[in-house]
Amino acid sequence: MTVLLNLGGTIALFYQNNQPRDVGFQELVGSHVDVVDVTPTSSNGLGWRHLRTLRETLLAKWRDGETRFLITVGTDALEEVLYFLSLVTPPSASAAVVGAIRPRSAPDSDGPLSLSLAFQWLERGESEGVIAACGGQLIGGAKVTKVFQGNWTFQPCSPADDGLTPWVLSERFKLLKRSPRVPILPVGVGAGVWLAEILWAERFEGVIVEAFGPGDVPPTLVKPIRHLLSQNIPVVLASRSAPGRIEPLFPGIPGTSHDLLSSGVLGAGGLDSIHARIRLLVALAARPRVSLASAFTMRGESAS
């Protein structure tokens, strides 16, 4: 049996007299599907507790013998939910994350078609892992991005190979109830001074730095980043380029990727900052603790 885990979003939205209301899925998908409401909310209201509850519910059903899961979610958060599931879905299970760009009450609603495509993929049982279904299309793989091409749609992230070794959190691990404090700090010309002030002043449990090109940052960030590392607070470098890849280049210059990576900063490879943050959140929240280096090991390197 396929299990539908409803997180809410536009796909569960119906407008009546210009007022939104959630509509149940059971009458839409039929009795052959087990529908479970997982604290459904609008996509802009999705939080860590929803992700944690989603994983707990999925694991409970998996331990009961279920292996096919369909997750409905708002498209604002689809990228993060999809990638989160790729890091926590147990072996032998398949998960299709389904969103809808337009509400179900709209004449051109794409939710029913996306649901149908997801069910077909799950029922074929041709592969394990995760897939996205949105806008009436299936997109394979753990990473997608939302783009505007005349209208809103999703496309695979490029490059598909992020250069990191595969990493999935075992089902024996639990996740903290609260979300670790992990911001994304994008660099920019003239932003180094006030970004450094943020790093010195705020208390974070991890930081994603959205760096130039292969991982360079303004020199003013070097000292606060090294201070964070001395406090055992992980710093992960992602590229603000699209697509970008973190590489150890230009040794001997303060603030370059070579300088930072050699000092203990973790590289996100080809992951963008959004996906790198989800990966770091899962690694930080895991109990018992996991090696952060193992979660961000570049292919061809060994975790220290």
C-alpha atoms as a PDB file:
ATOM      1  CA  MET A   1       0.000   0.000   0.000  1.00  0.00           C
ATOM      2  CA  THR A   2       1.134   3.544  -0.712  1.00  0.00           C
ATOM      3  CA  VAL A   3       1.229   5.871   2.307  1.00  0.00           C
ATOM      4  CA  LEU A   4       0.404   9.542   1.677  1.00  0.00           C
ATOM      5  CA  LEU A   5       1.981  11.867   4.229  1.00  0.00           C
ATOM      6  CA  ASN A   6       0.302  15.262   3.973  1.00  0.00           C
ATOM      7  CA  LEU A   7       2.390  18.302   4.928  1.00  0.00           C
ATOM      8  CA  GLY A   8      -0.108  20.713   3.379  1.00  0.00           C
ATOM      9  CA  GLY A   9       0.706  23.415   0.851  1.00  0.00           C
ATOM     10  CA  THR A  10      -1.071  24.512  -2.310  1.00  0.00           C
ATOM     11  CA  ILE A  11      -1.834  20.936  -3.345  1.00  0.00           C
ATOM     12  CA  ALA A  12      -4.206  20.684  -0.345  1.00  0.00           C
ATOM     13  CA  LEU A  13      -5.671  24.157  -0.857  1.00  0.00           C
ATOM     14  CA  PHE A  14      -9.122  24.992  -2.148  1.00  0.00           C
ATOM     15  CA  TYR A  15     -10.499  28.530  -2.468  1.00  0.00           C
ATOM     16  CA  GLN A  16     -14.182  29.125  -1.736  1.00  0.00           C
ATOM     17  CA  ASN A  17     -15.568  32.690  -1.736  1.00  0.00           C
ATOM     18  CA  ASN A  18     -11.971  33.884  -1.892  1.00  0.00           C
ATOM     19  CA  GLN A  19     -11.179  32.129   1.391  1.00  0.00           C
ATOM     20  CA  PRO A  20      -8.590  29.304   1.571  1.00  0.00           C
ATOM     21  CA  ARG A  21      -9.391  26.008   3.222  1.00  0.00           C
ATOM     22  CA  ASP A  22      -7.662  22.643   3.354  1.00  0.00           C
ATOM     23  CA  VAL A  23      -9.283  19.711   1.612  1.00  0.00           C
ATOM     24  CA  GLY A  24      -8.718  16.092   2.589  1.00  0.00           C
ATOM     25  CA  PHE A  25      -6.996  13.681   0.217  1.00  0.00           C
ATOM     26  CA  GLN A  26      -8.821  10.436   0.960  1.00  0.00           C
ATOM     27  CA  GLU A  27     -11.695  11.070  -1.450  1.00  0.00           C
ATOM     28  CA  LEU A  28      -9.207  12.100  -4.142  1.00  0.00           C
ATOM     29  CA  VAL A  29      -6.794   9.161  -3.913  1.00  0.00           C
ATOM     30  CA  GLY A  30      -9.153   6.323  -2.971  1.00  0.00           C
ATOM     31  CA  SER A  31      -9.190   3.638  -0.293  1.00  0.00           C
ATOM     32  CA  HIS A  32      -6.022   1.909  -1.536  1.00  0.00           C
ATOM     33  CA  VAL A  33      -3.924   4.751  -0.088  1.00  0.00           C
ATOM     34  CA  ASP A  34      -3.251   5.275   3.620  1.00  0.00           C
ATOM     35  CA  VAL A  35      -3.545   9.048   4.186  1.00  0.00           C
ATOM     36  CA  VAL A  36      -1.784  10.520   7.228  1.00  0.00           C
ATOM     37  CA  ASP A  37      -1.922  14.237   8.061  1.00  0.00           C
ATOM     38  CA  VAL A  38       1.549  15.229   9.294  1.00  0.00           C
ATOM     39  CA  THR A  39       0.749  18.570  10.967  1.00  0.00           C
ATOM     40  CA  PRO A  40      -0.135  20.101   7.558  1.00  0.00           C
ATOM     41  CA  THR A  41       0.564  23.794   7.039  1.00  0.00           C
ATOM     42  CA  SER A  42       1.175  26.322   4.310  1.00  0.00           C
ATOM     43  CA  SER A  43       4.635  26.038   2.802  1.00  0.00           C
ATOM     44  CA  ASN A  44       5.804  29.354   4.252  1.00  0.00           C
ATOM     45  CA  GLY A  45       4.851  28.035   7.715  1.00  0.00           C
ATOM     46  CA  LEU A  46       6.857  24.817   7.444  1.00  0.00           C
ATOM     47  CA  GLY A  47       9.413  24.384  10.222  1.00  0.00           C
ATOM     48  CA  TRP A  48      11.844  21.938  11.729  1.00  0.00           C
ATOM     49  CA  ARG A  49       9.125  20.213  13.794  1.00  0.00           C
ATOM     50  CA  HIS A  50       7.306  19.335  10.562  1.00  0.00           C
ATOM     51  CA  LEU A  51      10.436  17.742   9.094  1.00  0.00           C
ATOM     52  CA  ARG A  52      11.143  15.852  12.287  1.00  0.00           C
ATOM     53  CA  THR A  53       7.542  14.613  12.552  1.00  0.00           C
ATOM     54  CA  LEU A  54       7.620  13.643   8.883  1.00  0.00           C
ATOM     55  CA  ARG A  55      10.685  11.465   9.440  1.00  0.00           C
ATOM     56  CA  GLU A  56       9.252   9.849  12.589  1.00  0.00           C
ATOM     57  CA  THR A  57       5.967   9.046  10.829  1.00  0.00           C
ATOM     58  CA  LEU A  58       7.726   7.660   7.769  1.00  0.00           C
ATOM     59  CA  LEU A  59      10.016   5.478   9.899  1.00  0.00           C
ATOM     60  CA  ALA A  60       7.081   4.140  11.919  1.00  0.00           C
ATOM     61  CA  LYS A  61       5.244   3.140   8.738  1.00  0.00           C
ATOM     62  CA  TRP A  62       8.448   1.675   7.260  1.00  0.00           C
ATOM     63  CA  ARG A  63       8.981  -0.476  10.347  1.00  0.00           C
ATOM     64  CA  ASP A  64       5.413  -1.742   9.821  1.00  0.00           C
ATOM     65  CA  GLY A  65       6.473  -2.947   6.373  1.00  0.00           C
ATOM     66  CA  GLU A  66       5.505  -0.020   4.139  1.00  0.00           C
ATOM     67  CA  THR A  67       8.025   0.996   1.474  1.00  0.00           C
ATOM     68  CA  ARG A  68       6.122   3.426  -0.813  1.00  0.00           C
ATOM     69  CA  PHE A  69       5.577   6.979   0.361  1.00  0.00           C
ATOM     70  CA  LEU A  70       3.999  10.016  -1.251  1.00  0.00           C
ATOM     71  CA  ILE A  71       4.612  13.335   0.513  1.00  0.00           C
ATOM     72  CA  THR A  72       2.493  16.365  -0.356  1.00  0.00           C
ATOM     73  CA  VAL A  73       4.047  19.732   0.393  1.00  0.00           C
ATOM     74  CA  GLY A  74       3.962  23.386  -0.599  1.00  0.00           C
ATOM     75  CA  THR A  75       6.257  24.283  -3.472  1.00  0.00           C
ATOM     76  CA  ASP A  76       8.031  27.015  -1.477  1.00  0.00           C
ATOM     77  CA  ALA A  77       9.594  24.273   0.634  1.00  0.00           C
ATOM     78  CA  LEU A  78       9.656  21.407  -1.872  1.00  0.00           C
ATOM     79  CA  GLU A  79      13.411  21.662  -2.546  1.00  0.00           C
ATOM     80  CA  GLU A  80      14.271  21.380   1.140  1.00  0.00           C
ATOM     81  CA  VAL A  81      11.756  18.629   1.950  1.00  0.00           C
ATOM     82  CA  LEU A  82      12.940  16.560  -1.015  1.00  0.00           C
ATOM     83  CA  TYR A  83      16.597  16.857  -0.028  1.00  0.00           C
ATOM     84  CA  PHE A  84      15.804  16.231   3.651  1.00  0.00           C
ATOM     85  CA  LEU A  85      14.058  12.997   2.697  1.00  0.00           C
ATOM     86  CA  SER A  86      17.042  11.907   0.620  1.00  0.00           C
ATOM     87  CA  LEU A  87      19.147  12.111   3.799  1.00  0.00           C
ATOM     88  CA  VAL A  88      16.751  10.261   6.134  1.00  0.00           C
ATOM     89  CA  THR A  89      14.672   7.828   4.040  1.00  0.00           C
ATOM     90  CA  PRO A  90      15.581   4.246   5.025  1.00  0.00           C
ATOM     91  CA  PRO A  91      16.862   1.653   2.545  1.00  0.00           C
ATOM     92  CA  SER A  92      14.355  -0.196   0.345  1.00  0.00           C
ATOM     93  CA  ALA A  93      11.913   2.744   0.578  1.00  0.00           C
ATOM     94  CA  SER A  94      10.778   5.078  -2.197  1.00  0.00           C
ATOM     95  CA  ALA A  95       9.461   8.607  -1.648  1.00  0.00           C
ATOM     96  CA  ALA A  96       7.752  10.921  -4.137  1.00  0.00           C
ATOM     97  CA  VAL A  97       7.449  14.553  -3.017  1.00  0.00           C
ATOM     98  CA  VAL A  98       4.461  16.196  -4.683  1.00  0.00           C
ATOM     99  CA  GLY A  99       3.576  19.870  -4.912  1.00  0.00           C
ATOM    100  CA  ALA A 100       1.266  22.018  -7.015  1.00  0.00           C
ATOM    101  CA  ILE A 101       2.063  25.445  -8.380  1.00  0.00           C
ATOM    102  CA  ARG A 102      -1.657  26.300  -8.587  1.00  0.00           C
ATOM    103  CA  PRO A 103      -4.440  25.650  -6.034  1.00  0.00           C
ATOM    104  CA  ARG A 104      -6.788  22.736  -6.588  1.00  0.00           C
ATOM    105  CA  SER A 105      -9.677  25.153  -7.215  1.00  0.00           C
ATOM    106  CA  ALA A 106      -7.845  26.779 -10.159  1.00  0.00           C
ATOM    107  CA  PRO A 107      -8.974  25.650 -13.634  1.00  0.00           C
ATOM    108  CA  ASP A 108      -5.380  24.797 -14.580  1.00  0.00           C
ATOM    109  CA  SER A 109      -4.465  23.121 -11.286  1.00  0.00           C
ATOM    110  CA  ASP A 110      -1.580  20.717 -11.840  1.00  0.00           C
ATOM    111  CA  GLY A 111      -1.960  18.904  -8.502  1.00  0.00           C
ATOM    112  CA  PRO A 112      -4.073  15.942  -9.709  1.00  0.00           C
ATOM    113  CA  LEU A 113      -1.709  15.236 -12.627  1.00  0.00           C
ATOM    114  CA  SER A 114       1.342  15.446 -10.391  1.00  0.00           C
ATOM    115  CA  LEU A 115      -0.301  13.080  -7.908  1.00  0.00           C
ATOM    116  CA  SER A 116      -1.121  10.630 -10.683  1.00  0.00           C
ATOM    117  CA  LEU A 117       2.449  10.659 -12.009  1.00  0.00           C
ATOM    118  CA  ALA A 118       3.839  10.104  -8.519  1.00  0.00           C
ATOM    119  CA  PHE A 119       1.521   7.152  -7.882  1.00  0.00           C
ATOM    120  CA  GLN A 120       2.515   5.598 -11.200  1.00  0.00           C
ATOM    121  CA  TRP A 121       6.214   5.918 -10.351  1.00  0.00           C
ATOM    122  CA  LEU A 122       5.728   4.376  -6.921  1.00  0.00           C
ATOM    123  CA  GLU A 123       3.555   1.533  -8.208  1.00  0.00           C
ATOM    124  CA  ARG A 124       6.072   0.608 -10.907  1.00  0.00           C
ATOM    125  CA  GLY A 125       8.595   0.016  -8.152  1.00  0.00           C
ATOM    126  CA  GLU A 126      11.482   0.386 -10.566  1.00  0.00           C
ATOM    127  CA  SER A 127      13.811   2.237  -8.202  1.00  0.00           C
ATOM    128  CA  GLU A 128      14.333   3.283  -4.599  1.00  0.00           C
ATOM    129  CA  GLY A 129      15.160   6.768  -3.356  1.00  0.00           C
ATOM    130  CA  VAL A 130      13.361  10.072  -3.888  1.00  0.00           C
ATOM    131  CA  ILE A 131      11.750  11.927  -6.751  1.00  0.00           C
ATOM    132  CA  ALA A 132       9.819  15.196  -7.170  1.00  0.00           C
ATOM    133  CA  ALA A 133       6.465  15.542  -8.940  1.00  0.00           C
ATOM    134  CA  CYS A 134       5.275  19.072  -9.595  1.00  0.00           C
ATOM    135  CA  GLY A 135       3.856  21.055 -12.472  1.00  0.00           C
ATOM    136  CA  GLY A 136       2.748  17.842 -14.151  1.00  0.00           C
ATOM    137  CA  GLN A 137       6.298  16.478 -14.455  1.00  0.00           C
ATOM    138  CA  LEU A 138       8.556  14.002 -12.684  1.00  0.00           C
ATOM    139  CA  ILE A 139      12.084  15.053 -11.748  1.00  0.00           C
ATOM    140  CA  GLY A 140      14.473  12.359 -10.610  1.00  0.00           C
ATOM    141  CA  GLY A 141      17.107  12.846  -7.939  1.00  0.00           C
ATOM    142  CA  ALA A 142      17.415  14.535  -4.573  1.00  0.00           C
ATOM    143  CA  LYS A 143      18.008  18.112  -5.717  1.00  0.00           C
ATOM    144  CA  VAL A 144      15.670  20.414  -7.616  1.00  0.00           C
ATOM    145  CA  THR A 145      15.380  24.178  -7.887  1.00  0.00           C
ATOM    146  CA  LYS A 146      12.392  26.444  -8.493  1.00  0.00           C
ATOM    147  CA  VAL A 147      12.744  28.733 -11.518  1.00  0.00           C
ATOM    148  CA  PHE A 148      10.592  31.175 -13.449  1.00  0.00           C
ATOM    149  CA  GLN A 149      10.410  30.452 -17.197  1.00  0.00           C
ATOM    150  CA  GLY A 150       7.257  32.243 -18.231  1.00  0.00           C
ATOM    151  CA  ASN A 151       5.656  30.584 -15.208  1.00  0.00           C
ATOM    152  CA  TRP A 152       6.943  28.893 -12.077  1.00  0.00           C
ATOM    153  CA  THR A 153       8.329  25.389 -12.503  1.00  0.00           C
ATOM    154  CA  PHE A 154      10.996  23.060 -11.142  1.00  0.00           C
ATOM    155  CA  GLN A 155      14.097  21.700 -12.804  1.00  0.00           C
ATOM    156  CA  PRO A 156      16.958  19.440 -11.690  1.00  0.00           C
ATOM    157  CA  CYS A 157      19.924  21.096 -10.022  1.00  0.00           C
ATOM    158  CA  SER A 158      22.999  21.182 -12.202  1.00  0.00           C
ATOM    159  CA  PRO A 159      25.459  19.592 -11.882  1.00  0.00           C
ATOM    160  CA  ALA A 160      23.695  16.484 -10.602  1.00  0.00           C
ATOM    161  CA  ASP A 161      26.962  15.183  -9.109  1.00  0.00           C
ATOM    162  CA  ASP A 162      27.710  17.374  -6.090  1.00  0.00           C
ATOM    163  CA  GLY A 163      31.158  15.858  -5.569  1.00  0.00           C
ATOM    164  CA  LEU A 164      30.396  14.680  -2.014  1.00  0.00           C
ATOM    165  CA  THR A 165      30.421  11.068  -0.894  1.00  0.00           C
ATOM    166  CA  PRO A 166      26.897   9.676  -0.334  1.00  0.00           C
ATOM    167  CA  TRP A 167      25.643  10.233   3.204  1.00  0.00           C
ATOM    168  CA  VAL A 168      22.346   9.083   4.739  1.00  0.00           C
ATOM    169  CA  LEU A 169      21.374   9.194   8.406  1.00  0.00           C
ATOM    170  CA  SER A 170      20.666   5.694   9.698  1.00  0.00           C
ATOM    171  CA  GLU A 171      17.181   4.977  10.993  1.00  0.00           C
ATOM    172  CA  ARG A 172      18.637   4.203  14.451  1.00  0.00           C
ATOM    173  CA  PHE A 173      19.424   7.908  14.973  1.00  0.00           C
ATOM    174  CA  LYS A 174      16.944  10.369  16.445  1.00  0.00           C
ATOM    175  CA  LEU A 175      16.703  14.077  15.661  1.00  0.00           C
ATOM    176  CA  LEU A 176      16.640  16.894  18.201  1.00  0.00           C
ATOM    177  CA  LYS A 177      13.227  18.441  18.804  1.00  0.00           C
ATOM    178  CA  ARG A 178      14.585  21.934  18.272  1.00  0.00           C
ATOM    179  CA  SER A 179      16.260  23.095  15.117  1.00  0.00           C
ATOM    180  CA  PRO A 180      19.984  23.864  15.327  1.00  0.00           C
ATOM    181  CA  ARG A 181      20.737  27.565  14.756  1.00  0.00           C
ATOM    182  CA  VAL A 182      22.281  27.562  11.289  1.00  0.00           C
ATOM    183  CA  PRO A 183      22.066  30.736   9.153  1.00  0.00           C
ATOM    184  CA  ILE A 184      23.110  31.248   5.556  1.00  0.00           C
ATOM    185  CA  LEU A 185      25.411  34.262   5.164  1.00  0.00           C
ATOM    186  CA  PRO A 186      25.857  35.389   1.528  1.00  0.00           C
ATOM    187  CA  VAL A 187      29.043  37.311   0.780  1.00  0.00           C
ATOM    188  CA  GLY A 188      29.074  40.391  -1.418  1.00  0.00           C
ATOM    189  CA  VAL A 189      31.254  43.326  -2.323  1.00  0.00           C
ATOM    190  CA  GLY A 190      31.415  45.631   0.708  1.00  0.00           C
ATOM    191  CA  ALA A 191      29.607  43.148   2.985  1.00  0.00           C
ATOM    192  CA  GLY A 192      32.659  41.742   4.757  1.00  0.00           C
ATOM    193  CA  VAL A 193      32.697  44.163   7.701  1.00  0.00           C
ATOM    194  CA  TRP A 194      29.116  43.734   8.855  1.00  0.00           C
ATOM    195  CA  LEU A 195      29.142  39.986   8.145  1.00  0.00           C
ATOM    196  CA  ALA A 196      32.168  39.748  10.440  1.00  0.00           C
ATOM    197  CA  GLU A 197      30.236  41.670  13.106  1.00  0.00           C
ATOM    198  CA  ILE A 198      27.401  39.144  12.867  1.00  0.00           C
ATOM    199  CA  LEU A 199      29.791  36.212  13.260  1.00  0.00           C
ATOM    200  CA  TRP A 200      31.480  37.791  16.279  1.00  0.00           C
ATOM    201  CA  ALA A 201      28.239  38.827  17.996  1.00  0.00           C
ATOM    202  CA  GLU A 202      25.726  36.030  17.384  1.00  0.00           C
ATOM    203  CA  ARG A 203      25.672  32.533  18.859  1.00  0.00           C
ATOM    204  CA  PHE A 204      25.233  29.943  16.128  1.00  0.00           C
ATOM    205  CA  GLU A 205      25.610  26.162  16.144  1.00  0.00           C
ATOM    206  CA  GLY A 206      26.779  26.115  12.555  1.00  0.00           C
ATOM    207  CA  VAL A 207      27.116  28.548   9.669  1.00  0.00           C
ATOM    208  CA  ILE A 208      26.719  28.234   5.907  1.00  0.00           C
ATOM    209  CA  VAL A 209      28.808  30.838   4.105  1.00  0.00           C
ATOM    210  CA  GLU A 210      27.596  31.439   0.559  1.00  0.00           C
ATOM    211  CA  ALA A 211      30.977  32.336  -0.885  1.00  0.00           C
ATOM    212  CA  PHE A 212      32.299  33.728  -4.147  1.00  0.00           C
ATOM    213  CA  GLY A 213      33.043  31.222  -6.947  1.00  0.00           C
ATOM    214  CA  PRO A 214      35.026  28.246  -5.614  1.00  0.00           C
ATOM    215  CA  GLY A 215      34.783  29.374  -1.973  1.00  0.00           C
ATOM    216  CA  ASP A 216      36.467  32.741  -1.491  1.00  0.00           C
ATOM    217  CA  VAL A 217      35.321  35.249   1.150  1.00  0.00           C
ATOM    218  CA  PRO A 218      36.356  38.808   2.076  1.00  0.00           C
ATOM    219  CA  PRO A 219      39.557  38.770   4.186  1.00  0.00           C
ATOM    220  CA  THR A 220      37.674  40.415   7.088  1.00  0.00           C
ATOM    221  CA  LEU A 221      35.790  37.136   7.600  1.00  0.00           C
ATOM    222  CA  VAL A 222      38.892  35.003   8.125  1.00  0.00           C
ATOM    223  CA  LYS A 223      39.396  35.784  11.841  1.00  0.00           C
ATOM    224  CA  PRO A 224      35.744  35.336  12.908  1.00  0.00           C
ATOM    225  CA  ILE A 225      35.519  32.102  10.903  1.00  0.00           C
ATOM    226  CA  ARG A 226      38.641  30.737  12.594  1.00  0.00           C
ATOM    227  CA  HIS A 227      37.225  31.813  15.953  1.00  0.00           C
ATOM    228  CA  LEU A 228      34.076  29.783  15.267  1.00  0.00           C
ATOM    229  CA  LEU A 229      36.198  26.765  14.345  1.00  0.00           C
ATOM    230  CA  SER A 230      38.159  27.134  17.599  1.00  0.00           C
ATOM    231  CA  GLN A 231      34.796  26.911  19.422  1.00  0.00           C
ATOM    232  CA  ASN A 232      33.962  23.680  17.532  1.00  0.00           C
ATOM    233  CA  ILE A 233      31.251  25.477  15.566  1.00  0.00           C
ATOM    234  CA  PRO A 234      31.234  24.114  12.003  1.00  0.00           C
ATOM    235  CA  VAL A 235      31.468  26.461   9.047  1.00  0.00           C
ATOM    236  CA  VAL A 236      30.466  25.143   5.618  1.00  0.00           C
ATOM    237  CA  LEU A 237      31.426  26.855   2.370  1.00  0.00           C
ATOM    238  CA  ALA A 238      28.943  26.810  -0.495  1.00  0.00           C
ATOM    239  CA  SER A 239      29.226  28.736  -3.738  1.00  0.00           C
ATOM    240  CA  ARG A 240      26.914  31.616  -4.645  1.00  0.00           C
ATOM    241  CA  SER A 241      27.562  30.855  -8.315  1.00  0.00           C
ATOM    242  CA  ALA A 242      24.913  28.834 -10.133  1.00  0.00           C
ATOM    243  CA  PRO A 243      26.077  26.172 -10.526  1.00  0.00           C
ATOM    244  CA  GLY A 244      29.212  26.400  -8.436  1.00  0.00           C
ATOM    245  CA  ARG A 245      31.675  24.023  -6.842  1.00  0.00           C
ATOM    246  CA  ILE A 246      33.925  24.501  -3.830  1.00  0.00           C
ATOM    247  CA  GLU A 247      37.566  23.755  -4.679  1.00  0.00           C
ATOM    248  CA  PRO A 248      40.821  24.468  -2.797  1.00  0.00           C
ATOM    249  CA  LEU A 249      42.315  27.174  -5.009  1.00  0.00           C
ATOM    250  CA  PHE A 250      44.807  30.064  -4.640  1.00  0.00           C
ATOM    251  CA  PRO A 251      47.020  29.070  -1.674  1.00  0.00           C
ATOM    252  CA  GLY A 252      48.755  31.801   0.297  1.00  0.00           C
ATOM    253  CA  ILE A 253      45.982  34.410  -0.003  1.00  0.00           C
ATOM    254  CA  PRO A 254      43.816  35.108   3.087  1.00  0.00           C
ATOM    255  CA  GLY A 255      40.151  34.287   2.565  1.00  0.00           C
ATOM    256  CA  THR A 256      40.542  32.044  -0.463  1.00  0.00           C
ATOM    257  CA  SER A 257      39.024  28.591  -0.605  1.00  0.00           C
ATOM    258  CA  HIS A 258      42.446  26.968  -0.126  1.00  0.00           C
ATOM    259  CA  ASP A 259      43.085  29.055   3.001  1.00  0.00           C
ATOM    260  CA  LEU A 260      39.691  28.264   4.541  1.00  0.00           C
ATOM    261  CA  LEU A 261      39.502  24.565   3.693  1.00  0.00           C
ATOM    262  CA  SER A 262      43.022  23.956   5.006  1.00  0.00           C
ATOM    263  CA  SER A 263      42.038  25.599   8.310  1.00  0.00           C
ATOM    264  CA  GLY A 264      39.130  23.211   8.913  1.00  0.00           C
ATOM    265  CA  VAL A 265      36.198  24.795   7.083  1.00  0.00           C
ATOM    266  CA  LEU A 266      33.979  22.159   5.451  1.00  0.00           C
ATOM    267  CA  GLY A 267      33.323  22.328   1.722  1.00  0.00           C
ATOM    268  CA  ALA A 268      29.833  21.788   0.300  1.00  0.00           C
ATOM    269  CA  GLY A 269      31.162  20.565  -3.041  1.00  0.00           C
ATOM    270  CA  GLY A 270      28.542  21.331  -5.659  1.00  0.00           C
ATOM    271  CA  LEU A 271      25.682  21.756  -3.172  1.00  0.00           C
ATOM    272  CA  ASP A 272      24.087  25.175  -3.117  1.00  0.00           C
ATOM    273  CA  SER A 273      23.622  26.918   0.225  1.00  0.00           C
ATOM    274  CA  ILE A 274      19.989  25.764   0.671  1.00  0.00           C
ATOM    275  CA  HIS A 275      20.838  22.076   0.301  1.00  0.00           C
ATOM    276  CA  ALA A 276      24.072  22.431   2.301  1.00  0.00           C
ATOM    277  CA  ARG A 277      22.086  23.922   5.199  1.00  0.00           C
ATOM    278  CA  ILE A 278      19.651  20.977   5.249  1.00  0.00           C
ATOM    279  CA  ARG A 279      22.572  18.542   5.258  1.00  0.00           C
ATOM    280  CA  LEU A 280      24.239  20.398   8.143  1.00  0.00           C
ATOM    281  CA  LEU A 281      20.967  20.638  10.106  1.00  0.00           C
ATOM    282  CA  VAL A 282      20.451  16.874   9.905  1.00  0.00           C
ATOM    283  CA  ALA A 283      24.052  16.162  10.892  1.00  0.00           C
ATOM    284  CA  LEU A 284      23.969  18.580  13.858  1.00  0.00           C
ATOM    285  CA  ALA A 285      20.575  17.364  15.085  1.00  0.00           C
ATOM    286  CA  ALA A 286      21.440  13.653  14.974  1.00  0.00           C
ATOM    287  CA  ARG A 287      21.605  11.807  18.288  1.00  0.00           C
ATOM    288  CA  PRO A 288      23.886  10.030  18.952  1.00  0.00           C
ATOM    289  CA  ARG A 289      26.224  12.576  17.346  1.00  0.00           C
ATOM    290  CA  VAL A 290      27.663  11.932  13.911  1.00  0.00           C
ATOM    291  CA  SER A 291      30.938  13.026  12.380  1.00  0.00           C
ATOM    292  CA  LEU A 292      30.365  16.297  10.536  1.00  0.00           C
ATOM    293  CA  ALA A 293      33.406  15.562   8.409  1.00  0.00           C
ATOM    294  CA  SER A 294      31.757  12.346   7.205  1.00  0.00           C
ATOM    295  CA  ALA A 295      28.692  14.319   6.110  1.00  0.00           C
ATOM    296  CA  PHE A 296      30.824  16.700   4.030  1.00  0.00           C
ATOM    297  CA  THR A 297      33.565  14.452   2.685  1.00  0.00           C
ATOM    298  CA  MET A 298      34.601  15.278  -0.851  1.00  0.00           C
ATOM    299  CA  ARG A 299      34.734  12.280  -3.148  1.00  0.00           C
ATOM    300  CA  GLY A 300      38.283  10.946  -3.202  1.00  0.00           C
ATOM    301  CA  GLU A 301      39.054  12.255   0.285  1.00  0.00           C
ATOM    302  CA  SER A 302      38.784  10.470   3.643  1.00  0.00           C
ATOM    303  CA  ALA A 303      36.805  11.856   6.602  1.00  0.00           C
ATOM    304  CA  SER A 304      39.097  13.072   9.365  1.00  0.00           C
END
